[in-house]
Amino acid sequence: MNKSLNGRDLPFHLVNSLFLLLLVATMILPIWNTFVISISSNISSMHGGIRLWPSEPSLEGYRTVWQRIELWRPFALNVLVTLVGTFVHVLLCAMAGYVLLHKGLPGRKLITSFILLTMMVPNEAVMIPLYVVNKELGLLNSINALILYSLVSGFSILLMRNFFGAVSYEMAESAKIDGAGEFRIFSTMYVPLAKPGLATVALFEFVSRWNQLTPGLLYITDQKMFTLQVALRSLVIQSDSTSSNLFMTPNVRMAGVMLALIPLVAIYPFVQKYFVTGLMVGATKE
């Protein structure tokens, strides 16, 4: 019986597998083509078409974009802003989620409704107000403006609240009876038991901050303070932010794109276990 069912399901599995392979190919092929062009020589990279293998392997593009164009400056700034911003974001959202977990919190439902309301407001609607606030506070052309941008989010707060809700409430009550304070309960009980949630929020925020373009365009005009995405934008469109005497060959542009992808590819294997677990817990949470 099972064999006959498997036989009838075989065409579906074949079609499904072929579709998934095609879908994966459409994602991998552009990245592979970018990588191949980035490790091609200047002249070879100027030939059109899709490349599956470099005809003249060379690291000229990486040397040019790292040394002559000095992409290491926005790269280092992006690393600093992303790491600090992600850490503070996870910390604040975890603490807010823990507070919302308490049923005795005055106005708990009202606060939760307000947080949900902030998630419905598009970023484009608050761009000008945020610019005015940063200008009045003297944060323009400052790294603080980049770190403070989207420092908390309603999605992360509610996600952390759901993860903390999986922790036994009786454990917290027993700790209080033993004399433990709220901060000790939060740091020694809830945080260790919610590592998948923390990893999920951290990964989302890390990717978001690493790829952020809007704050760099809004708050930064000094070229020395350009973030990586702003520098790559200038590099790809050959704007005045790069030297007019330097001709941008395709391998130089693609080398910059690949340098921006490396941290995202490198960090995922370390958080994949927690990330997958976090998504499964969030999906089954009632």
Protein backbone atom coordinates (compact mmCIF):
# COMPACT_ATOMS: atom_id res chain seq x y z
CA MET A 1 0.00 0.00 0.00
CA ASN A 2 2.77 2.37 0.94
CA LYS A 3 4.71 1.43 -2.20
CA SER A 4 1.72 2.25 -4.42
CA LEU A 5 1.25 5.55 -2.68
CA ASN A 6 4.92 6.36 -3.13
CA GLY A 7 4.60 5.47 -6.82
CA ARG A 8 1.69 7.88 -7.27
CA ASP A 9 3.55 10.60 -5.36
CA LEU A 10 6.72 10.19 -7.43
CA PRO A 11 5.73 12.63 -10.24
CA PHE A 12 4.84 15.27 -7.66
CA HIS A 13 8.16 14.87 -5.88
CA LEU A 14 10.07 15.04 -9.17
CA VAL A 15 8.28 18.20 -10.29
CA ASN A 16 8.67 19.72 -6.84
CA SER A 17 12.40 18.91 -6.79
CA LEU A 18 12.95 20.34 -10.26
CA PHE A 19 11.08 23.51 -9.30
CA LEU A 20 13.16 23.93 -6.14
CA LEU A 21 16.39 23.34 -8.08
CA LEU A 22 15.33 25.98 -10.60
CA LEU A 23 14.48 28.37 -7.78
CA VAL A 24 17.84 27.79 -6.10
CA ALA A 25 19.62 28.27 -9.43
CA THR A 26 17.97 31.67 -9.94
CA MET A 27 19.36 32.72 -6.53
CA ILE A 28 22.82 31.19 -6.78
CA LEU A 29 23.60 32.03 -10.41
CA PRO A 30 23.65 35.85 -9.97
CA ILE A 31 25.85 35.55 -6.88
CA TRP A 32 28.21 33.12 -8.61
CA ASN A 33 28.37 35.37 -11.68
CA THR A 34 29.22 38.32 -9.43
CA PHE A 35 31.97 36.31 -7.72
CA VAL A 36 33.45 35.14 -11.03
CA ILE A 37 33.58 38.68 -12.41
CA SER A 38 35.14 39.93 -9.17
CA ILE A 39 38.08 37.52 -9.52
CA SER A 40 38.58 38.28 -13.22
CA SER A 41 41.18 40.65 -14.65
CA ASN A 42 40.26 44.20 -15.62
CA ILE A 43 40.10 43.47 -19.34
CA SER A 44 38.39 40.09 -18.99
CA SER A 45 35.68 41.51 -16.73
CA MET A 46 34.65 44.02 -19.40
CA HIS A 47 33.39 41.26 -21.70
CA GLY A 48 29.63 40.95 -21.55
CA GLY A 49 27.54 37.90 -20.72
CA ILE A 50 27.12 35.54 -17.80
CA ARG A 51 30.34 33.95 -16.50
CA LEU A 52 30.55 30.52 -14.92
CA TRP A 53 34.34 30.57 -14.63
CA PRO A 54 36.96 33.35 -14.90
CA SER A 55 39.01 33.22 -18.10
CA GLU A 56 41.82 35.27 -16.52
CA PRO A 57 41.73 34.83 -12.71
CA SER A 58 42.98 37.90 -10.87
CA LEU A 59 42.50 39.78 -7.60
CA GLU A 60 42.97 43.20 -9.22
CA GLY A 61 39.40 44.18 -8.42
CA TYR A 62 39.77 43.46 -4.71
CA ARG A 63 43.12 45.30 -4.49
CA THR A 64 41.67 48.31 -6.28
CA VAL A 65 38.47 48.55 -4.26
CA TRP A 66 40.24 47.95 -0.92
CA GLN A 67 43.38 50.08 -1.36
CA ARG A 68 42.83 52.71 -4.05
CA ILE A 69 39.15 53.35 -3.42
CA GLU A 70 39.65 52.68 0.32
CA LEU A 71 36.49 50.68 0.82
CA TRP A 72 37.95 49.53 4.13
CA ARG A 73 36.80 52.80 5.74
CA PRO A 74 33.04 52.35 5.16
CA PHE A 75 33.48 48.61 5.76
CA ALA A 76 34.97 49.20 9.23
CA LEU A 77 32.31 51.82 10.02
CA ASN A 78 29.57 49.43 8.94
CA VAL A 79 30.98 46.70 11.20
CA LEU A 80 31.01 49.06 14.18
CA VAL A 81 27.50 50.40 13.58
CA THR A 82 26.07 46.93 12.94
CA LEU A 83 27.63 45.24 15.98
CA VAL A 84 26.84 48.03 18.45
CA GLY A 85 23.38 48.66 17.04
CA THR A 86 22.47 44.96 17.00
CA PHE A 87 23.67 44.41 20.57
CA VAL A 88 21.75 47.39 21.96
CA HIS A 89 18.68 46.51 19.89
CA VAL A 90 18.56 42.94 21.21
CA LEU A 91 19.16 44.11 24.78
CA LEU A 92 16.44 46.78 24.77
CA CYS A 93 13.88 44.63 22.97
CA ALA A 94 14.54 41.69 25.29
CA MET A 95 14.05 43.90 28.36
CA ALA A 96 10.87 45.39 26.89
CA GLY A 97 9.55 41.94 26.05
CA TYR A 98 10.24 40.80 29.61
CA VAL A 99 8.34 43.76 31.04
CA LEU A 100 5.32 43.08 28.81
CA LEU A 101 5.29 39.52 30.12
CA HIS A 102 4.10 40.64 33.56
CA LYS A 103 0.33 40.36 33.79
CA GLY A 104 0.19 42.94 36.58
CA LEU A 105 1.72 45.70 34.43
CA PRO A 106 -0.63 48.73 34.38
CA GLY A 107 -1.92 49.44 30.88
CA ARG A 108 -0.33 46.26 29.52
CA LYS A 109 -2.88 45.79 26.75
CA LEU A 110 -2.75 49.47 25.82
CA ILE A 111 1.05 49.38 25.57
CA THR A 112 0.91 46.24 23.42
CA SER A 113 -1.67 47.86 21.14
CA PHE A 114 0.55 50.94 20.78
CA ILE A 115 3.52 48.75 19.86
CA LEU A 116 1.39 47.02 17.22
CA LEU A 117 0.36 50.43 15.92
CA THR A 118 3.99 51.46 15.36
CA MET A 119 4.45 48.39 13.16
CA MET A 120 1.73 49.67 10.82
CA VAL A 121 3.41 53.01 10.16
CA PRO A 122 5.64 52.87 7.04
CA ASN A 123 9.20 54.14 7.37
CA GLU A 124 8.63 56.63 4.55
CA ALA A 125 6.02 58.43 6.67
CA VAL A 126 8.51 59.23 9.45
CA MET A 127 11.64 59.96 7.42
CA ILE A 128 11.24 63.75 7.54
CA PRO A 129 10.30 63.88 11.26
CA LEU A 130 13.29 61.68 12.09
CA TYR A 131 15.59 63.90 10.05
CA VAL A 132 14.32 67.01 11.86
CA VAL A 133 14.81 65.38 15.27
CA ASN A 134 18.35 64.28 14.43
CA LYS A 135 19.15 67.74 13.09
CA GLU A 136 17.87 69.47 16.22
CA LEU A 137 19.88 67.09 18.40
CA GLY A 138 23.04 67.75 16.39
CA LEU A 139 23.39 64.12 15.28
CA LEU A 140 23.88 64.73 11.56
CA ASN A 141 27.20 63.40 10.21
CA SER A 142 27.57 61.43 13.43
CA ILE A 143 27.90 57.71 14.06
CA ASN A 144 25.30 58.10 16.82
CA ALA A 145 22.61 58.85 14.23
CA LEU A 146 23.37 55.56 12.48
CA ILE A 147 23.32 53.56 15.72
CA LEU A 148 20.14 55.18 17.08
CA TYR A 149 18.26 54.59 13.83
CA SER A 150 15.69 51.82 14.41
CA LEU A 151 17.19 51.05 17.80
CA VAL A 152 14.00 49.26 18.89
CA SER A 153 11.18 47.69 16.91
CA GLY A 154 7.74 46.46 17.79
CA PHE A 155 8.33 43.19 15.94
CA SER A 156 11.41 42.34 18.02
CA ILE A 157 9.71 43.31 21.30
CA LEU A 158 6.66 41.15 20.67
CA LEU A 159 8.81 38.29 19.40
CA MET A 160 10.89 38.33 22.57
CA ARG A 161 7.74 38.49 24.70
CA ASN A 162 6.47 35.33 23.00
CA PHE A 163 9.76 33.52 23.61
CA PHE A 164 9.85 34.58 27.24
CA GLY A 165 6.26 33.37 27.57
CA ALA A 166 7.51 29.80 27.02
CA VAL A 167 9.49 30.01 30.27
CA SER A 168 7.66 28.58 33.27
CA TYR A 169 6.12 31.37 35.32
CA GLU A 170 6.36 29.22 38.46
CA MET A 171 10.16 29.22 38.15
CA ALA A 172 10.21 33.01 38.29
CA GLU A 173 7.86 33.02 41.27
CA SER A 174 10.08 30.53 43.12
CA ALA A 175 13.12 32.71 42.43
CA LYS A 176 11.30 35.75 43.82
CA ILE A 177 10.46 33.84 46.99
CA ASP A 178 14.16 33.02 47.35
CA GLY A 179 14.95 36.73 47.20
CA ALA A 180 15.99 37.15 43.55
CA GLY A 181 15.32 40.52 41.98
CA GLU A 182 13.77 41.19 38.58
CA PHE A 183 17.08 41.86 36.85
CA ARG A 184 18.61 38.66 38.23
CA ILE A 185 15.59 36.62 37.12
CA PHE A 186 15.77 38.22 33.68
CA SER A 187 19.51 37.71 33.19
CA THR A 188 19.95 34.27 34.77
CA MET A 189 16.66 32.56 33.91
CA TYR A 190 14.84 34.12 30.98
CA VAL A 191 17.79 35.11 28.80
CA PRO A 192 19.57 31.69 28.87
CA LEU A 193 16.29 29.86 28.18
CA ALA A 194 15.42 32.16 25.26
CA LYS A 195 18.67 31.85 23.27
CA PRO A 196 16.81 30.82 20.08
CA GLY A 197 14.71 33.97 20.32
CA LEU A 198 17.73 36.17 20.95
CA ALA A 199 19.55 34.59 18.00
CA THR A 200 16.54 35.10 15.74
CA VAL A 201 16.19 38.78 16.66
CA ALA A 202 19.95 39.30 16.45
CA LEU A 203 20.16 37.74 12.98
CA PHE A 204 17.25 39.78 11.64
CA GLU A 205 18.69 42.99 13.07
CA PHE A 206 22.25 42.23 11.93
CA VAL A 207 21.15 41.67 8.33
CA SER A 208 18.90 44.73 8.42
CA ARG A 209 21.58 47.04 9.81
CA TRP A 210 24.31 45.70 7.55
CA ASN A 211 22.18 46.41 4.47
CA GLN A 212 20.77 49.76 5.63
CA LEU A 213 21.00 52.49 3.02
CA THR A 214 18.39 55.02 4.16
CA PRO A 215 20.09 56.37 7.33
CA GLY A 216 23.38 56.80 5.51
CA LEU A 217 21.69 58.87 2.81
CA LEU A 218 19.56 60.87 5.25
CA TYR A 219 21.98 61.77 8.00
CA ILE A 220 25.46 61.55 6.44
CA THR A 221 26.96 63.98 3.91
CA ASP A 222 30.60 63.66 4.91
CA GLN A 223 32.29 61.09 2.64
CA LYS A 224 34.50 59.93 5.52
CA MET A 225 31.35 58.86 7.38
CA PHE A 226 29.77 56.91 4.51
CA THR A 227 28.52 53.45 5.43
CA LEU A 228 29.28 50.45 3.24
CA GLN A 229 25.97 50.47 1.36
CA VAL A 230 26.27 54.18 0.53
CA ALA A 231 29.85 53.64 -0.67
CA LEU A 232 28.75 50.68 -2.81
CA ARG A 233 25.95 52.75 -4.29
CA SER A 234 28.46 55.41 -5.24
CA LEU A 235 30.79 52.74 -6.59
CA VAL A 236 28.19 51.04 -8.76
CA ILE A 237 26.73 54.21 -10.30
CA GLN A 238 30.16 55.87 -10.57
CA SER A 239 29.12 59.01 -8.71
CA ASP A 240 31.39 61.87 -7.69
CA SER A 241 32.18 60.20 -4.37
CA THR A 242 34.87 58.17 -6.15
CA SER A 243 37.87 59.52 -7.97
CA SER A 244 36.99 60.78 -11.44
CA ASN A 245 40.43 59.72 -12.66
CA LEU A 246 39.79 56.07 -11.83
CA PHE A 247 37.82 54.07 -14.38
CA MET A 248 35.51 51.60 -12.70
CA THR A 249 35.85 48.23 -14.36
CA PRO A 250 33.17 45.59 -13.62
CA ASN A 251 35.53 43.48 -11.51
CA VAL A 252 36.07 46.43 -9.14
CA ARG A 253 32.34 46.92 -8.64
CA MET A 254 31.67 43.22 -8.16
CA ALA A 255 34.56 42.94 -5.71
CA GLY A 256 32.86 45.61 -3.59
CA VAL A 257 29.57 43.69 -3.72
CA MET A 258 31.28 40.46 -2.66
CA LEU A 259 33.03 42.18 0.26
CA ALA A 260 29.60 43.31 1.47
CA LEU A 261 28.26 39.74 1.25
CA ILE A 262 31.09 38.04 3.16
CA PRO A 263 29.98 38.98 6.74
CA LEU A 264 26.39 37.87 6.08
CA VAL A 265 27.52 34.52 4.70
CA ALA A 266 30.07 34.06 7.49
CA ILE A 267 27.72 34.72 10.42
CA TYR A 268 24.82 32.50 9.36
CA PRO A 269 26.39 29.07 10.09
CA PHE A 270 27.02 30.10 13.71
CA VAL A 271 23.41 31.11 14.40
CA GLN A 272 21.63 28.70 12.06
CA LYS A 273 20.86 26.17 14.82
CA TYR A 274 19.32 28.78 17.11
CA PHE A 275 17.61 30.52 14.20
CA VAL A 276 15.82 27.41 12.96
CA THR A 277 14.83 26.46 16.51
CA GLY A 278 13.56 29.98 17.10
CA LEU A 279 11.37 29.92 14.00
CA MET A 280 9.92 26.53 15.00
CA VAL A 281 9.15 27.73 18.54
CA GLY A 282 7.55 30.89 17.20
CA ALA A 283 5.46 28.89 14.76
CA THR A 284 4.08 26.55 17.42
CA LYS A 285 3.58 29.15 20.13
CA GLU A 286 -0.08 29.48 21.08
